[in-house]
Amino acid sequence: MLGNIIGGFIVILVGVTLAPTVAQQVGISRGASDGSTNITGAAYTIIGLVTLFYCLAIATTGIGIATVGLRNAGLM
C-alpha cells in the first residue's frame, strides 16, 4: 500500500518536473521563437495540445497508482 502511494507521488513529482521541458520542446517544434515553421493547420493545433495531454497522463497515472494502493489496503 505505502509503496504504491509513494510510487504515485514519485510519478507525479518526476512528471511535473519534466513538464516545462516538454512545453519548451513543443514551443520549439511549433516555431514559436523565430516564426519559421513547416507545421500548419490541424497539425499545428494538435502539437500545441501535446503539453496538455502529457500533464493529463501524468496526473491520471499518479492517481491510478495511488488508488490501487488504497484499494489493496482496503481503504477504498
N, C-alpha and C. Protein backbone atom coordinates (compact mmCIF):
# COMPACT_ATOMS: atom_id res chain seq x y z
N MET A 1 0.81 -1.19 0.00
CA MET A 1 0.00 0.00 0.00
C MET A 1 0.86 1.26 0.00
N LEU A 2 1.74 1.34 0.99
CA LEU A 2 2.58 2.54 1.10
C LEU A 2 3.49 2.69 -0.12
N GLY A 3 3.95 1.54 -0.64
CA GLY A 3 4.80 1.58 -1.83
C GLY A 3 4.07 2.15 -3.03
N ASN A 4 2.81 1.78 -3.19
CA ASN A 4 2.03 2.30 -4.31
C ASN A 4 1.76 3.80 -4.17
N ILE A 5 1.47 4.24 -2.95
CA ILE A 5 1.21 5.66 -2.73
C ILE A 5 2.48 6.47 -2.97
N ILE A 6 3.60 6.00 -2.45
CA ILE A 6 4.88 6.69 -2.68
C ILE A 6 5.23 6.67 -4.16
N GLY A 7 4.97 5.54 -4.82
CA GLY A 7 5.21 5.46 -6.27
C GLY A 7 4.38 6.45 -7.05
N GLY A 8 3.12 6.61 -6.65
CA GLY A 8 2.25 7.60 -7.31
C GLY A 8 2.77 9.01 -7.15
N PHE A 9 3.24 9.34 -5.94
CA PHE A 9 3.79 10.67 -5.72
C PHE A 9 5.09 10.87 -6.50
N ILE A 10 5.90 9.84 -6.62
CA ILE A 10 7.14 9.96 -7.39
C ILE A 10 6.83 10.18 -8.86
N VAL A 11 5.85 9.45 -9.39
CA VAL A 11 5.45 9.64 -10.79
C VAL A 11 4.99 11.08 -11.01
N ILE A 12 4.17 11.60 -10.10
CA ILE A 12 3.70 12.97 -10.24
C ILE A 12 4.85 13.95 -10.13
N LEU A 13 5.76 13.73 -9.18
CA LEU A 13 6.89 14.64 -8.99
C LEU A 13 7.80 14.68 -10.22
N VAL A 14 8.15 13.52 -10.75
CA VAL A 14 9.02 13.48 -11.93
C VAL A 14 8.30 14.07 -13.15
N GLY A 15 7.02 13.74 -13.30
CA GLY A 15 6.26 14.26 -14.44
C GLY A 15 6.11 15.77 -14.40
N VAL A 16 5.84 16.32 -13.23
CA VAL A 16 5.70 17.77 -13.11
C VAL A 16 7.04 18.46 -13.32
N THR A 17 8.11 17.81 -12.89
CA THR A 17 9.44 18.37 -13.10
C THR A 17 9.80 18.42 -14.58
N LEU A 18 9.34 17.45 -15.35
CA LEU A 18 9.66 17.41 -16.77
C LEU A 18 8.67 18.19 -17.64
N ALA A 19 7.56 18.64 -17.08
CA ALA A 19 6.54 19.35 -17.86
C ALA A 19 7.07 20.62 -18.54
N PRO A 20 7.88 21.46 -17.86
CA PRO A 20 8.40 22.64 -18.58
C PRO A 20 9.30 22.29 -19.76
N THR A 21 10.04 21.21 -19.64
CA THR A 21 10.88 20.77 -20.75
C THR A 21 10.03 20.34 -21.93
N VAL A 22 8.96 19.61 -21.65
CA VAL A 22 8.05 19.19 -22.71
C VAL A 22 7.42 20.41 -23.37
N ALA A 23 6.99 21.37 -22.57
CA ALA A 23 6.38 22.58 -23.12
C ALA A 23 7.37 23.37 -23.97
N GLN A 24 8.62 23.43 -23.52
CA GLN A 24 9.64 24.15 -24.29
C GLN A 24 9.88 23.47 -25.64
N GLN A 25 9.97 22.16 -25.64
CA GLN A 25 10.21 21.45 -26.88
C GLN A 25 9.02 21.56 -27.84
N VAL A 26 7.83 21.59 -27.29
CA VAL A 26 6.65 21.80 -28.14
C VAL A 26 6.69 23.19 -28.76
N GLY A 27 7.07 24.18 -27.96
CA GLY A 27 7.18 25.54 -28.49
C GLY A 27 8.23 25.64 -29.58
N ILE A 28 9.35 24.96 -29.40
CA ILE A 28 10.40 24.96 -30.41
C ILE A 28 9.90 24.27 -31.69
N SER A 29 9.20 23.16 -31.52
CA SER A 29 8.72 22.44 -32.71
C SER A 29 7.66 23.23 -33.47
N ARG A 30 6.92 24.08 -32.76
CA ARG A 30 5.92 24.92 -33.42
C ARG A 30 6.54 26.16 -34.05
N GLY A 31 7.81 26.41 -33.80
CA GLY A 31 8.48 27.57 -34.37
C GLY A 31 8.13 28.84 -33.64
N ALA A 32 7.92 28.77 -32.33
CA ALA A 32 7.48 29.92 -31.56
C ALA A 32 8.57 30.98 -31.42
N SER A 33 9.83 30.59 -31.52
CA SER A 33 10.90 31.54 -31.27
C SER A 33 11.17 32.46 -32.46
N ASP A 34 11.17 31.93 -33.68
CA ASP A 34 11.52 32.77 -34.82
C ASP A 34 10.45 32.79 -35.92
N GLY A 35 9.37 32.05 -35.75
CA GLY A 35 8.29 32.09 -36.72
C GLY A 35 8.49 31.23 -37.94
N SER A 36 9.63 30.57 -38.07
CA SER A 36 9.86 29.71 -39.23
C SER A 36 9.45 28.29 -38.88
N THR A 37 8.35 27.84 -39.47
CA THR A 37 7.85 26.50 -39.19
C THR A 37 7.23 25.91 -40.45
N ASN A 38 7.30 24.60 -40.54
CA ASN A 38 6.67 23.91 -41.66
C ASN A 38 5.37 23.25 -41.22
N ILE A 39 4.96 23.49 -39.97
CA ILE A 39 3.75 22.89 -39.43
C ILE A 39 2.63 23.92 -39.48
N THR A 40 1.54 23.55 -40.15
CA THR A 40 0.42 24.48 -40.27
C THR A 40 -0.88 23.72 -40.05
N GLY A 41 -1.95 24.45 -39.87
CA GLY A 41 -3.28 23.89 -39.80
C GLY A 41 -3.52 23.02 -38.59
N ALA A 42 -4.14 21.86 -38.83
CA ALA A 42 -4.52 20.96 -37.75
C ALA A 42 -3.31 20.40 -37.02
N ALA A 43 -2.24 20.12 -37.74
CA ALA A 43 -1.04 19.59 -37.10
C ALA A 43 -0.46 20.59 -36.10
N TYR A 44 -0.52 21.86 -36.43
CA TYR A 44 -0.04 22.91 -35.54
C TYR A 44 -0.85 22.92 -34.24
N THR A 45 -2.15 22.77 -34.36
CA THR A 45 -3.03 22.76 -33.19
C THR A 45 -2.81 21.52 -32.34
N ILE A 46 -2.70 20.36 -32.98
CA ILE A 46 -2.51 19.11 -32.24
C ILE A 46 -1.18 19.10 -31.52
N ILE A 47 -0.13 19.59 -32.15
CA ILE A 47 1.17 19.66 -31.49
C ILE A 47 1.09 20.60 -30.29
N GLY A 48 0.30 21.64 -30.38
CA GLY A 48 0.12 22.54 -29.25
C GLY A 48 -0.57 21.88 -28.06
N LEU A 49 -1.34 20.83 -28.30
CA LEU A 49 -2.05 20.12 -27.24
C LEU A 49 -1.21 19.02 -26.58
N VAL A 50 -0.02 18.78 -27.08
CA VAL A 50 0.84 17.73 -26.53
C VAL A 50 1.13 17.99 -25.05
N THR A 51 1.39 19.21 -24.67
CA THR A 51 1.69 19.52 -23.27
C THR A 51 0.49 19.22 -22.39
N LEU A 52 -0.70 19.58 -22.84
CA LEU A 52 -1.91 19.28 -22.07
C LEU A 52 -2.08 17.78 -21.88
N PHE A 53 -1.94 17.01 -22.96
CA PHE A 53 -2.10 15.57 -22.86
C PHE A 53 -1.03 14.94 -21.98
N TYR A 54 0.19 15.48 -22.02
CA TYR A 54 1.26 14.98 -21.17
C TYR A 54 0.90 15.19 -19.70
N CYS A 55 0.46 16.38 -19.35
CA CYS A 55 0.11 16.66 -17.95
C CYS A 55 -1.08 15.83 -17.50
N LEU A 56 -2.07 15.63 -18.36
CA LEU A 56 -3.21 14.78 -18.01
C LEU A 56 -2.78 13.33 -17.81
N ALA A 57 -1.86 12.85 -18.63
CA ALA A 57 -1.38 11.48 -18.49
C ALA A 57 -0.62 11.29 -17.18
N ILE A 58 0.19 12.26 -16.81
CA ILE A 58 0.94 12.18 -15.56
C ILE A 58 -0.02 12.16 -14.38
N ALA A 59 -1.01 13.04 -14.38
CA ALA A 59 -1.97 13.10 -13.29
C ALA A 59 -2.78 11.80 -13.19
N THR A 60 -3.24 11.29 -14.33
CA THR A 60 -4.02 10.07 -14.35
C THR A 60 -3.21 8.88 -13.85
N THR A 61 -1.96 8.80 -14.26
CA THR A 61 -1.10 7.71 -13.83
C THR A 61 -0.85 7.76 -12.33
N GLY A 62 -0.52 8.92 -11.82
CA GLY A 62 -0.28 9.05 -10.38
C GLY A 62 -1.51 8.73 -9.55
N ILE A 63 -2.67 9.23 -9.97
CA ILE A 63 -3.91 8.95 -9.25
C ILE A 63 -4.25 7.46 -9.33
N GLY A 64 -4.04 6.86 -10.49
CA GLY A 64 -4.31 5.43 -10.64
C GLY A 64 -3.44 4.57 -9.75
N ILE A 65 -2.16 4.88 -9.67
CA ILE A 65 -1.25 4.11 -8.82
C ILE A 65 -1.65 4.27 -7.35
N ALA A 66 -1.95 5.49 -6.93
CA ALA A 66 -2.37 5.72 -5.54
C ALA A 66 -3.70 5.02 -5.24
N THR A 67 -4.63 4.99 -6.18
CA THR A 67 -5.90 4.33 -5.98
C THR A 67 -5.72 2.83 -5.81
N VAL A 68 -4.84 2.24 -6.58
CA VAL A 68 -4.57 0.79 -6.44
C VAL A 68 -3.98 0.52 -5.06
N GLY A 69 -3.10 1.37 -4.58
CA GLY A 69 -2.54 1.19 -3.25
C GLY A 69 -3.59 1.27 -2.17
N LEU A 70 -4.49 2.25 -2.28
CA LEU A 70 -5.56 2.37 -1.29
C LEU A 70 -6.55 1.22 -1.37
N ARG A 71 -6.80 0.75 -2.57
CA ARG A 71 -7.72 -0.39 -2.73
C ARG A 71 -7.12 -1.66 -2.12
N ASN A 72 -5.81 -1.86 -2.30
CA ASN A 72 -5.15 -3.03 -1.71
C ASN A 72 -5.15 -2.95 -0.18
N ALA A 73 -5.15 -1.76 0.37
CA ALA A 73 -5.16 -1.59 1.82
C ALA A 73 -6.58 -1.69 2.40
N GLY A 74 -7.58 -1.71 1.52
CA GLY A 74 -8.95 -1.80 1.98
C GLY A 74 -9.55 -0.48 2.37
N LEU A 75 -8.91 0.61 2.03
CA LEU A 75 -9.43 1.92 2.38
C LEU A 75 -10.35 2.50 1.31
N MET A 76 -10.42 1.83 0.19
CA MET A 76 -11.25 2.35 -0.90
C MET A 76 -12.07 1.23 -1.49
